[in-house]
Amino acid sequence: MSKRRSLAETHQVVTKITAAPATRQPAAPGTVTAINLPSDVLELLRMVAIKRAARAGKGRPSVSAVITDLVEKHRHELQHEVQ
């Protein structure tokens, strides 16, 4: 899939999502941070976030939510690695 086509499809999905009425949920307490990721990994995370938002039919895409879900799914392994 070409990058131009991928961006066009992403724009269509985001436009559809932002056009839907959003119900705000209170944000969990957190911290703002910056991380360095390879561009292909970031693009994958963005596409997953867009697909999740489209599947839910509301809200906006959240890469942070995708990363949070991945960490929670592997929390036990990560905690074991720290010990």
PDB file of N, CA and C in Angstrom:
ATOM      1  N   MET A   1       0.848  -1.160   0.000  1.00  0.00           N
ATOM      2  CA  MET A   1       0.000   0.000   0.000  1.00  0.00           C
ATOM      3  C   MET A   1       0.896   1.227   0.000  1.00  0.00           C
ATOM      4  N   SER A   2       0.602   2.153  -0.897  1.00  0.00           N
ATOM      5  CA  SER A   2       1.434   3.345  -0.970  1.00  0.00           C
ATOM      6  C   SER A   2       1.167   4.246   0.223  1.00  0.00           C
ATOM      7  N   LYS A   3       2.177   5.031   0.568  1.00  0.00           N
ATOM      8  CA  LYS A   3       2.047   5.941   1.709  1.00  0.00           C
ATOM      9  C   LYS A   3       0.944   6.964   1.433  1.00  0.00           C
ATOM     10  N   ARG A   4       0.842   7.450   0.182  1.00  0.00           N
ATOM     11  CA  ARG A   4      -0.183   8.434  -0.170  1.00  0.00           C
ATOM     12  C   ARG A   4      -1.580   7.847   0.040  1.00  0.00           C
ATOM     13  N   ARG A   5      -1.777   6.618  -0.383  1.00  0.00           N
ATOM     14  CA  ARG A   5      -3.078   5.983  -0.221  1.00  0.00           C
ATOM     15  C   ARG A   5      -3.364   5.745   1.267  1.00  0.00           C
ATOM     16  N   SER A   6      -2.362   5.325   1.996  1.00  0.00           N
ATOM     17  CA  SER A   6      -2.523   5.083   3.418  1.00  0.00           C
ATOM     18  C   SER A   6      -2.926   6.360   4.140  1.00  0.00           C
ATOM     19  N   LEU A   7      -2.288   7.471   3.807  1.00  0.00           N
ATOM     20  CA  LEU A   7      -2.630   8.745   4.437  1.00  0.00           C
ATOM     21  C   LEU A   7      -4.036   9.191   4.045  1.00  0.00           C
ATOM     22  N   ALA A   8      -4.417   8.961   2.788  1.00  0.00           N
ATOM     23  CA  ALA A   8      -5.764   9.339   2.341  1.00  0.00           C
ATOM     24  C   ALA A   8      -6.821   8.525   3.092  1.00  0.00           C
ATOM     25  N   GLU A   9      -6.588   7.232   3.240  1.00  0.00           N
ATOM     26  CA  GLU A   9      -7.533   6.390   3.979  1.00  0.00           C
ATOM     27  C   GLU A   9      -7.595   6.800   5.435  1.00  0.00           C
ATOM     28  N   THR A  10      -6.430   7.112   6.007  1.00  0.00           N
ATOM     29  CA  THR A  10      -6.381   7.561   7.398  1.00  0.00           C
ATOM     30  C   THR A  10      -7.182   8.838   7.557  1.00  0.00           C
ATOM     31  N   HIS A  11      -7.018   9.770   6.623  1.00  0.00           N
ATOM     32  CA  HIS A  11      -7.763  11.040   6.688  1.00  0.00           C
ATOM     33  C   HIS A  11      -9.269  10.784   6.656  1.00  0.00           C
ATOM     34  N   GLN A  12      -9.720   9.866   5.801  1.00  0.00           N
ATOM     35  CA  GLN A  12     -11.147   9.550   5.721  1.00  0.00           C
ATOM     36  C   GLN A  12     -11.664   8.989   7.034  1.00  0.00           C
ATOM     37  N   VAL A  13     -10.917   8.102   7.638  1.00  0.00           N
ATOM     38  CA  VAL A  13     -11.334   7.496   8.906  1.00  0.00           C
ATOM     39  C   VAL A  13     -11.357   8.549  10.007  1.00  0.00           C
ATOM     40  N   VAL A  14     -10.313   9.362  10.071  1.00  0.00           N
ATOM     41  CA  VAL A  14     -10.246  10.396  11.107  1.00  0.00           C
ATOM     42  C   VAL A  14     -11.384  11.400  10.920  1.00  0.00           C
ATOM     43  N   THR A  15     -11.671  11.763   9.677  1.00  0.00           N
ATOM     44  CA  THR A  15     -12.762  12.692   9.412  1.00  0.00           C
ATOM     45  C   THR A  15     -14.082  12.099   9.887  1.00  0.00           C
ATOM     46  N   LYS A  16     -14.295  10.816   9.624  1.00  0.00           N
ATOM     47  CA  LYS A  16     -15.518  10.150  10.053  1.00  0.00           C
ATOM     48  C   LYS A  16     -15.600  10.118  11.582  1.00  0.00           C
ATOM     49  N   ILE A  17     -14.486   9.845  12.216  1.00  0.00           N
ATOM     50  CA  ILE A  17     -14.457   9.757  13.674  1.00  0.00           C
ATOM     51  C   ILE A  17     -14.724  11.112  14.304  1.00  0.00           C
ATOM     52  N   THR A  18     -14.075  12.166  13.786  1.00  0.00           N
ATOM     53  CA  THR A  18     -14.247  13.483  14.390  1.00  0.00           C
ATOM     54  C   THR A  18     -15.621  14.055  14.090  1.00  0.00           C
ATOM     55  N   ALA A  19     -16.278  13.552  13.048  1.00  0.00           N
ATOM     56  CA  ALA A  19     -17.615  14.028  12.739  1.00  0.00           C
ATOM     57  C   ALA A  19     -18.642  13.443  13.706  1.00  0.00           C
ATOM     58  N   ALA A  20     -18.338  12.307  14.284  1.00  0.00           N
ATOM     59  CA  ALA A  20     -19.257  11.679  15.234  1.00  0.00           C
ATOM     60  C   ALA A  20     -19.204  12.417  16.568  1.00  0.00           C
ATOM     61  N   PRO A  21     -20.338  12.509  17.252  1.00  0.00           N
ATOM     62  CA  PRO A  21     -20.318  13.185  18.552  1.00  0.00           C
ATOM     63  C   PRO A  21     -19.467  12.396  19.539  1.00  0.00           C
ATOM     64  N   ALA A  22     -18.607  13.093  20.217  1.00  0.00           N
ATOM     65  CA  ALA A  22     -17.701  12.444  21.160  1.00  0.00           C
ATOM     66  C   ALA A  22     -18.209  12.622  22.581  1.00  0.00           C
ATOM     67  N   THR A  23     -18.153  11.544  23.328  1.00  0.00           N
ATOM     68  CA  THR A  23     -18.476  11.639  24.740  1.00  0.00           C
ATOM     69  C   THR A  23     -17.165  11.571  25.493  1.00  0.00           C
ATOM     70  N   ARG A  24     -16.920  12.573  26.277  1.00  0.00           N
ATOM     71  CA  ARG A  24     -15.653  12.657  27.010  1.00  0.00           C
ATOM     72  C   ARG A  24     -15.715  11.812  28.267  1.00  0.00           C
ATOM     73  N   GLN A  25     -14.698  11.005  28.430  1.00  0.00           N
ATOM     74  CA  GLN A  25     -14.550  10.250  29.664  1.00  0.00           C
ATOM     75  C   GLN A  25     -13.443  10.923  30.454  1.00  0.00           C
ATOM     76  N   PRO A  26     -13.560  10.954  31.760  1.00  0.00           N
ATOM     77  CA  PRO A  26     -12.502  11.572  32.537  1.00  0.00           C
ATOM     78  C   PRO A  26     -11.180  10.847  32.306  1.00  0.00           C
ATOM     79  N   ALA A  27     -10.145  11.622  32.100  1.00  0.00           N
ATOM     80  CA  ALA A  27      -8.834  11.031  31.849  1.00  0.00           C
ATOM     81  C   ALA A  27      -8.241  10.502  33.148  1.00  0.00           C
ATOM     82  N   ALA A  28      -7.603   9.374  33.033  1.00  0.00           N
ATOM     83  CA  ALA A  28      -6.904   8.806  34.188  1.00  0.00           C
ATOM     84  C   ALA A  28      -5.678   9.671  34.464  1.00  0.00           C
ATOM     85  N   PRO A  29      -5.291   9.774  35.716  1.00  0.00           N
ATOM     86  CA  PRO A  29      -4.098  10.572  36.004  1.00  0.00           C
ATOM     87  C   PRO A  29      -2.894   9.982  35.279  1.00  0.00           C
ATOM     88  N   GLY A  30      -2.090  10.834  34.724  1.00  0.00           N
ATOM     89  CA  GLY A  30      -0.945  10.344  33.970  1.00  0.00           C
ATOM     90  C   GLY A  30       0.133  11.393  33.889  1.00  0.00           C
ATOM     91  N   THR A  31       1.123  11.095  33.097  1.00  0.00           N
ATOM     92  CA  THR A  31       2.248  11.979  32.897  1.00  0.00           C
ATOM     93  C   THR A  31       2.499  12.111  31.408  1.00  0.00           C
ATOM     94  N   VAL A  32       2.834  13.302  30.986  1.00  0.00           N
ATOM     95  CA  VAL A  32       3.181  13.522  29.590  1.00  0.00           C
ATOM     96  C   VAL A  32       4.663  13.240  29.439  1.00  0.00           C
ATOM     97  N   THR A  33       5.013  12.467  28.420  1.00  0.00           N
ATOM     98  CA  THR A  33       6.403  12.111  28.193  1.00  0.00           C
ATOM     99  C   THR A  33       6.665  12.035  26.699  1.00  0.00           C
ATOM    100  N   ALA A  34       7.885  11.925  26.330  1.00  0.00           N
ATOM    101  CA  ALA A  34       8.259  11.746  24.920  1.00  0.00           C
ATOM    102  C   ALA A  34       9.104  10.493  24.809  1.00  0.00           C
ATOM    103  N   ILE A  35       8.862   9.735  23.762  1.00  0.00           N
ATOM    104  CA  ILE A  35       9.663   8.543  23.511  1.00  0.00           C
ATOM    105  C   ILE A  35      10.085   8.550  22.043  1.00  0.00           C
ATOM    106  N   ASN A  36      11.209   7.946  21.762  1.00  0.00           N
ATOM    107  CA  ASN A  36      11.699   7.831  20.390  1.00  0.00           C
ATOM    108  C   ASN A  36      11.326   6.457  19.862  1.00  0.00           C
ATOM    109  N   LEU A  37      10.626   6.442  18.733  1.00  0.00           N
ATOM    110  CA  LEU A  37      10.217   5.192  18.101  1.00  0.00           C
ATOM    111  C   LEU A  37      10.616   5.216  16.635  1.00  0.00           C
ATOM    112  N   PRO A  38      10.918   4.066  16.076  1.00  0.00           N
ATOM    113  CA  PRO A  38      11.126   4.019  14.622  1.00  0.00           C
ATOM    114  C   PRO A  38       9.833   4.443  13.922  1.00  0.00           C
ATOM    115  N   SER A  39       9.957   5.103  12.790  1.00  0.00           N
ATOM    116  CA  SER A  39       8.773   5.638  12.111  1.00  0.00           C
ATOM    117  C   SER A  39       7.781   4.548  11.722  1.00  0.00           C
ATOM    118  N   ASP A  40       8.264   3.353  11.357  1.00  0.00           N
ATOM    119  CA  ASP A  40       7.330   2.286  10.978  1.00  0.00           C
ATOM    120  C   ASP A  40       6.539   1.796  12.190  1.00  0.00           C
ATOM    121  N   VAL A  41       7.159   1.798  13.362  1.00  0.00           N
ATOM    122  CA  VAL A  41       6.450   1.393  14.586  1.00  0.00           C
ATOM    123  C   VAL A  41       5.393   2.437  14.935  1.00  0.00           C
ATOM    124  N   LEU A  42       5.751   3.710  14.838  1.00  0.00           N
ATOM    125  CA  LEU A  42       4.788   4.770  15.127  1.00  0.00           C
ATOM    126  C   LEU A  42       3.615   4.726  14.158  1.00  0.00           C
ATOM    127  N   GLU A  43       3.899   4.486  12.879  1.00  0.00           N
ATOM    128  CA  GLU A  43       2.818   4.394  11.896  1.00  0.00           C
ATOM    129  C   GLU A  43       1.884   3.220  12.221  1.00  0.00           C
ATOM    130  N   LEU A  44       2.449   2.101  12.621  1.00  0.00           N
ATOM    131  CA  LEU A  44       1.633   0.940  13.000  1.00  0.00           C
ATOM    132  C   LEU A  44       0.754   1.279  14.204  1.00  0.00           C
ATOM    133  N   LEU A  45       1.337   1.908  15.219  1.00  0.00           N
ATOM    134  CA  LEU A  45       0.561   2.295  16.406  1.00  0.00           C
ATOM    135  C   LEU A  45      -0.561   3.259  16.039  1.00  0.00           C
ATOM    136  N   ARG A  46      -0.268   4.204  15.158  1.00  0.00           N
ATOM    137  CA  ARG A  46      -1.302   5.158  14.720  1.00  0.00           C
ATOM    138  C   ARG A  46      -2.438   4.451  13.992  1.00  0.00           C
ATOM    139  N   MET A  47      -2.088   3.517  13.104  1.00  0.00           N
ATOM    140  CA  MET A  47      -3.121   2.798  12.347  1.00  0.00           C
ATOM    141  C   MET A  47      -3.985   1.954  13.279  1.00  0.00           C
ATOM    142  N   VAL A  48      -3.374   1.322  14.271  1.00  0.00           N
ATOM    143  CA  VAL A  48      -4.150   0.550  15.250  1.00  0.00           C
ATOM    144  C   VAL A  48      -5.080   1.476  16.014  1.00  0.00           C
ATOM    145  N   ALA A  49      -4.581   2.629  16.429  1.00  0.00           N
ATOM    146  CA  ALA A  49      -5.410   3.590  17.162  1.00  0.00           C
ATOM    147  C   ALA A  49      -6.581   4.055  16.313  1.00  0.00           C
ATOM    148  N   ILE A  50      -6.333   4.314  15.035  1.00  0.00           N
ATOM    149  CA  ILE A  50      -7.401   4.762  14.134  1.00  0.00           C
ATOM    150  C   ILE A  50      -8.434   3.660  13.949  1.00  0.00           C
ATOM    151  N   LYS A  51      -7.984   2.435  13.750  1.00  0.00           N
ATOM    152  CA  LYS A  51      -8.916   1.309  13.573  1.00  0.00           C
ATOM    153  C   LYS A  51      -9.763   1.090  14.833  1.00  0.00           C
ATOM    154  N   ARG A  52      -9.134   1.190  16.007  1.00  0.00           N
ATOM    155  CA  ARG A  52      -9.884   1.016  17.255  1.00  0.00           C
ATOM    156  C   ARG A  52     -10.941   2.099  17.410  1.00  0.00           C
ATOM    157  N   ALA A  53     -10.572   3.332  17.103  1.00  0.00           N
ATOM    158  CA  ALA A  53     -11.528   4.432  17.214  1.00  0.00           C
ATOM    159  C   ALA A  53     -12.668   4.260  16.220  1.00  0.00           C
ATOM    160  N   ALA A  54     -12.353   3.815  15.024  1.00  0.00           N
ATOM    161  CA  ALA A  54     -13.393   3.592  14.008  1.00  0.00           C
ATOM    162  C   ALA A  54     -14.311   2.451  14.420  1.00  0.00           C
ATOM    163  N   ARG A  55     -13.723   1.393  14.985  1.00  0.00           N
ATOM    164  CA  ARG A  55     -14.522   0.241  15.415  1.00  0.00           C
ATOM    165  C   ARG A  55     -15.468   0.635  16.539  1.00  0.00           C
ATOM    166  N   ALA A  56     -14.997   1.506  17.430  1.00  0.00           N
ATOM    167  CA  ALA A  56     -15.833   1.960  18.546  1.00  0.00           C
ATOM    168  C   ALA A  56     -16.879   2.959  18.064  1.00  0.00           C
ATOM    169  N   GLY A  57     -16.595   3.613  16.938  1.00  0.00           N
ATOM    170  CA  GLY A  57     -17.564   4.544  16.372  1.00  0.00           C
ATOM    171  C   GLY A  57     -17.617   5.893  17.063  1.00  0.00           C
ATOM    172  N   LYS A  58     -16.663   6.169  17.910  1.00  0.00           N
ATOM    173  CA  LYS A  58     -16.649   7.461  18.589  1.00  0.00           C
ATOM    174  C   LYS A  58     -15.260   7.719  19.157  1.00  0.00           C
ATOM    175  N   GLY A  59     -15.065   8.904  19.607  1.00  0.00           N
ATOM    176  CA  GLY A  59     -13.783   9.246  20.195  1.00  0.00           C
ATOM    177  C   GLY A  59     -12.743   9.538  19.139  1.00  0.00           C
ATOM    178  N   ARG A  60     -11.530   9.775  19.602  1.00  0.00           N
ATOM    179  CA  ARG A  60     -10.457  10.037  18.666  1.00  0.00           C
ATOM    180  C   ARG A  60      -9.352   9.011  18.860  1.00  0.00           C
ATOM    181  N   PRO A  61      -8.583   8.791  17.814  1.00  0.00           N
ATOM    182  CA  PRO A  61      -7.507   7.800  17.902  1.00  0.00           C
ATOM    183  C   PRO A  61      -6.507   8.158  19.000  1.00  0.00           C
ATOM    184  N   SER A  62      -6.058   7.154  19.745  1.00  0.00           N
ATOM    185  CA  SER A  62      -5.121   7.390  20.828  1.00  0.00           C
ATOM    186  C   SER A  62      -4.003   6.353  20.803  1.00  0.00           C
ATOM    187  N   VAL A  63      -2.830   6.804  20.372  1.00  0.00           N
ATOM    188  CA  VAL A  63      -1.657   5.932  20.397  1.00  0.00           C
ATOM    189  C   VAL A  63      -1.313   5.601  21.843  1.00  0.00           C
ATOM    190  N   SER A  64      -1.513   6.565  22.732  1.00  0.00           N
ATOM    191  CA  SER A  64      -1.234   6.332  24.152  1.00  0.00           C
ATOM    192  C   SER A  64      -2.079   5.184  24.694  1.00  0.00           C
ATOM    193  N   ALA A  65      -3.331   5.108  24.284  1.00  0.00           N
ATOM    194  CA  ALA A  65      -4.200   4.027  24.747  1.00  0.00           C
ATOM    195  C   ALA A  65      -3.718   2.678  24.218  1.00  0.00           C
ATOM    196  N   VAL A  66      -3.235   2.653  22.981  1.00  0.00           N
ATOM    197  CA  VAL A  66      -2.720   1.409  22.405  1.00  0.00           C
ATOM    198  C   VAL A  66      -1.495   0.951  23.198  1.00  0.00           C
ATOM    199  N   ILE A  67      -0.585   1.877  23.489  1.00  0.00           N
ATOM    200  CA  ILE A  67       0.612   1.531  24.249  1.00  0.00           C
ATOM    201  C   ILE A  67       0.247   1.079  25.660  1.00  0.00           C
ATOM    202  N   THR A  68      -0.694   1.772  26.287  1.00  0.00           N
ATOM    203  CA  THR A  68      -1.143   1.390  27.627  1.00  0.00           C
ATOM    204  C   THR A  68      -1.707  -0.019  27.624  1.00  0.00           C
ATOM    205  N   ASP A  69      -2.533  -0.341  26.633  1.00  0.00           N
ATOM    206  CA  ASP A  69      -3.101  -1.690  26.533  1.00  0.00           C
ATOM    207  C   ASP A  69      -2.006  -2.744  26.354  1.00  0.00           C
ATOM    208  N   LEU A  70      -1.008  -2.437  25.536  1.00  0.00           N
ATOM    209  CA  LEU A  70       0.093  -3.388  25.334  1.00  0.00           C
ATOM    210  C   LEU A  70       0.876  -3.621  26.626  1.00  0.00           C
ATOM    211  N   VAL A  71       1.148  -2.541  27.349  1.00  0.00           N
ATOM    212  CA  VAL A  71       1.893  -2.682  28.606  1.00  0.00           C
ATOM    213  C   VAL A  71       1.072  -3.462  29.624  1.00  0.00           C
ATOM    214  N   GLU A  72      -0.226  -3.153  29.741  1.00  0.00           N
ATOM    215  CA  GLU A  72      -1.074  -3.875  30.691  1.00  0.00           C
ATOM    216  C   GLU A  72      -1.150  -5.362  30.339  1.00  0.00           C
ATOM    217  N   LYS A  73      -1.206  -5.655  29.044  1.00  0.00           N
ATOM    218  CA  LYS A  73      -1.274  -7.048  28.601  1.00  0.00           C
ATOM    219  C   LYS A  73      -0.010  -7.810  28.983  1.00  0.00           C
ATOM    220  N   HIS A  74       1.130  -7.108  28.990  1.00  0.00           N
ATOM    221  CA  HIS A  74       2.418  -7.752  29.272  1.00  0.00           C
ATOM    222  C   HIS A  74       3.017  -7.300  30.594  1.00  0.00           C
ATOM    223  N   ARG A  75       2.194  -6.775  31.479  1.00  0.00           N
ATOM    224  CA  ARG A  75       2.669  -6.242  32.759  1.00  0.00           C
ATOM    225  C   ARG A  75       3.456  -7.280  33.560  1.00  0.00           C
ATOM    226  N   HIS A  76       2.937  -8.488  33.648  1.00  0.00           N
ATOM    227  CA  HIS A  76       3.598  -9.531  34.437  1.00  0.00           C
ATOM    228  C   HIS A  76       5.013  -9.791  33.918  1.00  0.00           C
ATOM    229  N   GLU A  77       5.143  -9.919  32.599  1.00  0.00           N
ATOM    230  CA  GLU A  77       6.462 -10.156  32.002  1.00  0.00           C
ATOM    231  C   GLU A  77       7.407  -8.996  32.285  1.00  0.00           C
ATOM    232  N   LEU A  78       6.915  -7.777  32.161  1.00  0.00           N
ATOM    233  CA  LEU A  78       7.748  -6.608  32.384  1.00  0.00           C
ATOM    234  C   LEU A  78       8.182  -6.501  33.847  1.00  0.00           C
ATOM    235  N   GLN A  79       7.264  -6.784  34.761  1.00  0.00           N
ATOM    236  CA  GLN A  79       7.611  -6.731  36.184  1.00  0.00           C
ATOM    237  C   GLN A  79       8.640  -7.812  36.515  1.00  0.00           C
ATOM    238  N   HIS A  80       8.492  -8.965  35.902  1.00  0.00           N
ATOM    239  CA  HIS A  80       9.440 -10.056  36.116  1.00  0.00           C
ATOM    240  C   HIS A  80      10.837  -9.645  35.618  1.00  0.00           C
ATOM    241  N   GLU A  81      10.884  -8.922  34.514  1.00  0.00           N
ATOM    242  CA  GLU A  81      12.150  -8.477  33.953  1.00  0.00           C
ATOM    243  C   GLU A  81      12.858  -7.467  34.870  1.00  0.00           C
ATOM    244  N   VAL A  82      12.100  -6.678  35.599  1.00  0.00           N
ATOM    245  CA  VAL A  82      12.657  -5.676  36.496  1.00  0.00           C
ATOM    246  C   VAL A  82      13.271  -6.312  37.742  1.00  0.00           C
ATOM    247  N   GLN A  83      12.736  -7.423  38.178  1.00  0.00           N
ATOM    248  CA  GLN A  83      13.194  -8.054  39.427  1.00  0.00           C
ATOM    249  C   GLN A  83      14.495  -8.791  39.255  1.00  0.00           C
TER     250      GLN A  83
END
